[in-house]
Amino acid sequence: MEPDERAAARLKTERLYLHNALDGGLVEALRTETYDLLGLSVKYDSYECLLTIRVLSNGDRLIGFVGGNCLVDLFIKAEREIKRGKVAFRQDKFVVKDS
């Protein structure tokens, strides 16, 4: 396979992974791990991206983070890391408790 063909094939594969992650793959990966998605936020600059994932698990509000070097890689990595159980969710200390 020629270099241009390899680059085109890689781009096509990346697009498929990104589409899957954004079209329910990320949420489905969370459900498989018994998390319900509450929200996502993205921070990015010229050098890096950070995805903040807020979930509900057994009545507890948790937060996890995934970093990447660009938005495309970030969402693909987030889905993969969640499926592999590598996102370390912990108590969200900024949640306001009900009285």
N, C-alpha and C. Protein backbone atom coordinates (compact mmCIF):
# COMPACT_ATOMS: atom_id res chain seq x y z
N MET A 1 0.85 -1.17 0.00
CA MET A 1 0.00 0.00 0.00
C MET A 1 0.90 1.25 0.00
N GLU A 2 0.58 2.18 -0.86
CA GLU A 2 1.34 3.43 -0.98
C GLU A 2 1.10 4.33 0.24
N PRO A 3 2.04 5.24 0.52
CA PRO A 3 1.86 6.15 1.66
C PRO A 3 0.56 6.95 1.62
N ASP A 4 0.19 7.45 0.43
CA ASP A 4 -1.07 8.20 0.33
C ASP A 4 -2.28 7.33 0.62
N GLU A 5 -2.22 6.08 0.17
CA GLU A 5 -3.32 5.15 0.43
C GLU A 5 -3.41 4.83 1.93
N ARG A 6 -2.25 4.68 2.59
CA ARG A 6 -2.23 4.42 4.03
C ARG A 6 -2.82 5.60 4.79
N ALA A 7 -2.45 6.80 4.40
CA ALA A 7 -2.96 8.00 5.07
C ALA A 7 -4.47 8.10 4.88
N ALA A 8 -4.96 7.81 3.69
CA ALA A 8 -6.39 7.86 3.42
C ALA A 8 -7.13 6.80 4.23
N ALA A 9 -6.55 5.61 4.32
CA ALA A 9 -7.18 4.53 5.09
C ALA A 9 -7.20 4.88 6.58
N ARG A 10 -6.12 5.48 7.08
CA ARG A 10 -6.07 5.88 8.49
C ARG A 10 -7.12 6.96 8.79
N LEU A 11 -7.25 7.92 7.88
CA LEU A 11 -8.25 8.97 8.05
C LEU A 11 -9.66 8.39 8.07
N LYS A 12 -9.92 7.46 7.18
CA LYS A 12 -11.23 6.82 7.13
C LYS A 12 -11.51 6.07 8.43
N THR A 13 -10.52 5.35 8.94
CA THR A 13 -10.67 4.63 10.20
C THR A 13 -10.92 5.58 11.36
N GLU A 14 -10.14 6.67 11.42
CA GLU A 14 -10.33 7.68 12.46
C GLU A 14 -11.75 8.25 12.44
N ARG A 15 -12.23 8.54 11.25
CA ARG A 15 -13.59 9.08 11.11
C ARG A 15 -14.63 8.10 11.63
N LEU A 16 -14.44 6.82 11.33
CA LEU A 16 -15.38 5.80 11.81
C LEU A 16 -15.37 5.72 13.34
N TYR A 17 -14.17 5.71 13.93
CA TYR A 17 -14.05 5.68 15.39
C TYR A 17 -14.68 6.91 16.02
N LEU A 18 -14.42 8.09 15.44
CA LEU A 18 -14.98 9.33 15.97
C LEU A 18 -16.50 9.31 15.86
N HIS A 19 -17.00 8.91 14.72
CA HIS A 19 -18.45 8.84 14.52
C HIS A 19 -19.07 7.91 15.56
N ASN A 20 -18.47 6.76 15.77
CA ASN A 20 -18.99 5.81 16.74
C ASN A 20 -19.00 6.41 18.15
N ALA A 21 -17.91 7.07 18.53
CA ALA A 21 -17.82 7.65 19.87
C ALA A 21 -18.88 8.73 20.08
N LEU A 22 -19.06 9.58 19.09
CA LEU A 22 -20.01 10.68 19.22
C LEU A 22 -21.45 10.26 19.00
N ASP A 23 -21.65 9.17 18.29
CA ASP A 23 -23.00 8.72 17.98
C ASP A 23 -23.46 7.62 18.93
N GLY A 24 -23.15 7.79 20.21
CA GLY A 24 -23.65 6.87 21.21
C GLY A 24 -22.64 5.90 21.78
N GLY A 25 -21.49 5.76 21.15
CA GLY A 25 -20.49 4.80 21.64
C GLY A 25 -19.96 5.16 23.01
N LEU A 26 -19.72 6.43 23.23
CA LEU A 26 -19.22 6.89 24.53
C LEU A 26 -20.25 6.66 25.63
N VAL A 27 -21.50 7.00 25.35
CA VAL A 27 -22.58 6.81 26.33
C VAL A 27 -22.79 5.32 26.59
N GLU A 28 -22.76 4.53 25.55
CA GLU A 28 -22.96 3.08 25.71
C GLU A 28 -21.83 2.46 26.51
N ALA A 29 -20.60 2.92 26.30
CA ALA A 29 -19.47 2.42 27.09
C ALA A 29 -19.67 2.73 28.57
N LEU A 30 -20.19 3.91 28.88
CA LEU A 30 -20.47 4.28 30.27
C LEU A 30 -21.56 3.39 30.85
N ARG A 31 -22.61 3.14 30.10
CA ARG A 31 -23.71 2.28 30.59
C ARG A 31 -23.22 0.87 30.88
N THR A 32 -22.33 0.38 30.04
CA THR A 32 -21.77 -0.95 30.24
C THR A 32 -21.04 -1.02 31.58
N GLU A 33 -20.44 0.09 31.96
CA GLU A 33 -19.72 0.16 33.24
C GLU A 33 -20.63 0.62 34.38
N THR A 34 -21.93 0.61 34.18
CA THR A 34 -22.97 1.00 35.15
C THR A 34 -22.92 2.47 35.56
N TYR A 35 -22.53 3.32 34.64
CA TYR A 35 -22.56 4.76 34.85
C TYR A 35 -23.65 5.37 33.97
N ASP A 36 -24.33 6.38 34.50
CA ASP A 36 -25.26 7.16 33.70
C ASP A 36 -24.62 8.52 33.46
N LEU A 37 -24.51 8.91 32.21
CA LEU A 37 -23.87 10.18 31.86
C LEU A 37 -24.71 11.36 32.33
N LEU A 38 -24.09 12.27 33.06
CA LEU A 38 -24.74 13.51 33.48
C LEU A 38 -24.30 14.67 32.60
N GLY A 39 -23.04 14.65 32.16
CA GLY A 39 -22.58 15.73 31.31
C GLY A 39 -21.12 15.59 30.93
N LEU A 40 -20.77 16.31 29.87
CA LEU A 40 -19.40 16.36 29.36
C LEU A 40 -19.01 17.81 29.21
N SER A 41 -17.74 18.10 29.42
CA SER A 41 -17.22 19.42 29.06
C SER A 41 -15.83 19.23 28.49
N VAL A 42 -15.48 20.11 27.58
CA VAL A 42 -14.19 20.03 26.90
C VAL A 42 -13.46 21.35 27.07
N LYS A 43 -12.20 21.25 27.43
CA LYS A 43 -11.31 22.41 27.44
C LYS A 43 -10.18 22.09 26.49
N TYR A 44 -9.83 23.06 25.67
CA TYR A 44 -8.73 22.81 24.75
C TYR A 44 -7.99 24.09 24.44
N ASP A 45 -6.73 23.91 24.05
CA ASP A 45 -5.91 25.02 23.56
C ASP A 45 -5.08 24.47 22.42
N SER A 46 -4.06 25.16 22.05
CA SER A 46 -3.25 24.76 20.90
C SER A 46 -2.47 23.47 21.12
N TYR A 47 -2.32 23.07 22.38
CA TYR A 47 -1.44 21.95 22.69
C TYR A 47 -2.12 20.71 23.24
N GLU A 48 -3.27 20.88 23.86
CA GLU A 48 -3.90 19.73 24.50
C GLU A 48 -5.40 19.94 24.69
N CYS A 49 -6.08 18.84 24.95
CA CYS A 49 -7.52 18.85 25.19
C CYS A 49 -7.79 18.05 26.46
N LEU A 50 -8.83 18.45 27.18
CA LEU A 50 -9.24 17.73 28.38
C LEU A 50 -10.75 17.55 28.35
N LEU A 51 -11.18 16.31 28.48
CA LEU A 51 -12.59 15.98 28.55
C LEU A 51 -12.94 15.66 30.00
N THR A 52 -13.90 16.38 30.54
CA THR A 52 -14.41 16.13 31.88
C THR A 52 -15.74 15.40 31.74
N ILE A 53 -15.84 14.26 32.40
CA ILE A 53 -17.03 13.40 32.29
C ILE A 53 -17.68 13.32 33.67
N ARG A 54 -18.92 13.72 33.75
CA ARG A 54 -19.67 13.62 35.01
C ARG A 54 -20.71 12.51 34.85
N VAL A 55 -20.73 11.60 35.82
CA VAL A 55 -21.62 10.45 35.76
C VAL A 55 -22.31 10.24 37.11
N LEU A 56 -23.35 9.42 37.06
CA LEU A 56 -24.05 8.99 38.25
C LEU A 56 -23.87 7.49 38.36
N SER A 57 -23.46 7.03 39.55
CA SER A 57 -23.26 5.60 39.77
C SER A 57 -23.75 5.25 41.17
N ASN A 58 -24.77 4.42 41.25
CA ASN A 58 -25.35 4.02 42.54
C ASN A 58 -25.71 5.22 43.40
N GLY A 59 -26.26 6.26 42.79
CA GLY A 59 -26.67 7.44 43.52
C GLY A 59 -25.56 8.44 43.81
N ASP A 60 -24.33 8.11 43.48
CA ASP A 60 -23.20 9.00 43.70
C ASP A 60 -22.83 9.73 42.42
N ARG A 61 -22.56 11.02 42.57
CA ARG A 61 -22.08 11.81 41.42
C ARG A 61 -20.56 11.73 41.38
N LEU A 62 -20.06 11.24 40.24
CA LEU A 62 -18.63 11.03 40.06
C LEU A 62 -18.11 11.87 38.90
N ILE A 63 -16.80 12.05 38.89
CA ILE A 63 -16.16 12.82 37.83
C ILE A 63 -14.91 12.08 37.37
N GLY A 64 -14.66 12.13 36.06
CA GLY A 64 -13.46 11.52 35.49
C GLY A 64 -12.90 12.42 34.41
N PHE A 65 -11.63 12.22 34.10
CA PHE A 65 -10.95 13.07 33.13
C PHE A 65 -10.21 12.22 32.11
N VAL A 66 -10.20 12.70 30.87
CA VAL A 66 -9.41 12.08 29.80
C VAL A 66 -8.72 13.20 29.06
N GLY A 67 -7.43 13.04 28.80
CA GLY A 67 -6.67 14.05 28.06
C GLY A 67 -6.28 13.53 26.69
N GLY A 68 -6.06 14.46 25.78
CA GLY A 68 -5.64 14.10 24.43
C GLY A 68 -4.94 15.26 23.77
N ASN A 69 -4.44 15.02 22.57
CA ASN A 69 -3.71 16.08 21.88
C ASN A 69 -4.56 16.82 20.85
N CYS A 70 -5.73 16.29 20.51
CA CYS A 70 -6.67 16.99 19.63
C CYS A 70 -8.07 16.46 19.91
N LEU A 71 -9.08 17.17 19.47
CA LEU A 71 -10.46 16.78 19.78
C LEU A 71 -10.82 15.40 19.23
N VAL A 72 -10.38 15.10 18.03
CA VAL A 72 -10.70 13.80 17.43
C VAL A 72 -10.13 12.68 18.30
N ASP A 73 -8.83 12.77 18.62
CA ASP A 73 -8.19 11.75 19.44
C ASP A 73 -8.81 11.68 20.83
N LEU A 74 -9.21 12.83 21.35
CA LEU A 74 -9.78 12.89 22.69
C LEU A 74 -11.03 12.03 22.82
N PHE A 75 -11.97 12.17 21.90
CA PHE A 75 -13.22 11.40 21.99
C PHE A 75 -13.00 9.93 21.69
N ILE A 76 -12.12 9.62 20.76
CA ILE A 76 -11.80 8.22 20.48
C ILE A 76 -11.15 7.58 21.71
N LYS A 77 -10.19 8.29 22.29
CA LYS A 77 -9.50 7.78 23.48
C LYS A 77 -10.46 7.63 24.65
N ALA A 78 -11.36 8.58 24.84
CA ALA A 78 -12.30 8.52 25.95
C ALA A 78 -13.15 7.25 25.87
N GLU A 79 -13.68 6.96 24.70
CA GLU A 79 -14.50 5.75 24.56
C GLU A 79 -13.67 4.51 24.86
N ARG A 80 -12.47 4.43 24.32
CA ARG A 80 -11.61 3.26 24.54
C ARG A 80 -11.24 3.10 26.01
N GLU A 81 -10.85 4.20 26.64
CA GLU A 81 -10.43 4.14 28.05
C GLU A 81 -11.59 3.75 28.96
N ILE A 82 -12.79 4.22 28.66
CA ILE A 82 -13.95 3.83 29.46
C ILE A 82 -14.22 2.34 29.29
N LYS A 83 -14.19 1.85 28.06
CA LYS A 83 -14.42 0.43 27.81
C LYS A 83 -13.40 -0.44 28.52
N ARG A 84 -12.17 0.05 28.64
CA ARG A 84 -11.09 -0.71 29.29
C ARG A 84 -11.06 -0.51 30.81
N GLY A 85 -11.95 0.33 31.32
CA GLY A 85 -11.99 0.58 32.76
C GLY A 85 -10.82 1.41 33.26
N LYS A 86 -10.25 2.22 32.37
CA LYS A 86 -9.06 2.99 32.73
C LYS A 86 -9.33 4.44 33.12
N VAL A 87 -10.58 4.86 33.07
CA VAL A 87 -10.91 6.21 33.53
C VAL A 87 -11.20 6.11 35.02
N ALA A 88 -10.44 6.85 35.80
CA ALA A 88 -10.58 6.80 37.26
C ALA A 88 -11.65 7.79 37.70
N PHE A 89 -12.86 7.30 37.91
CA PHE A 89 -13.94 8.16 38.40
C PHE A 89 -13.82 8.28 39.91
N ARG A 90 -14.06 9.48 40.41
CA ARG A 90 -14.02 9.72 41.86
C ARG A 90 -15.14 10.68 42.22
N GLN A 91 -15.39 10.82 43.51
CA GLN A 91 -16.44 11.72 43.99
C GLN A 91 -16.24 13.12 43.41
N ASP A 92 -17.32 13.70 42.94
CA ASP A 92 -17.28 15.07 42.44
C ASP A 92 -17.43 16.00 43.64
N LYS A 93 -16.36 16.64 44.05
CA LYS A 93 -16.39 17.45 45.27
C LYS A 93 -17.11 18.78 45.10
N PHE A 94 -17.51 19.11 43.89
CA PHE A 94 -18.21 20.36 43.66
C PHE A 94 -19.72 20.21 43.55
N VAL A 95 -20.22 19.01 43.85
CA VAL A 95 -21.66 18.76 43.82
C VAL A 95 -22.29 19.34 45.08
N VAL A 96 -23.40 20.05 44.90
CA VAL A 96 -24.15 20.58 46.02
C VAL A 96 -25.10 19.48 46.50
N LYS A 97 -24.98 19.10 47.75
CA LYS A 97 -25.83 18.04 48.31
C LYS A 97 -27.23 18.60 48.59
N ASP A 98 -28.25 17.75 48.37
CA ASP A 98 -29.62 18.11 48.71
C ASP A 98 -29.76 18.13 50.23
N SER A 99 -30.54 19.07 50.73
CA SER A 99 -30.71 19.14 52.21
C SER A 99 -31.97 18.44 52.65
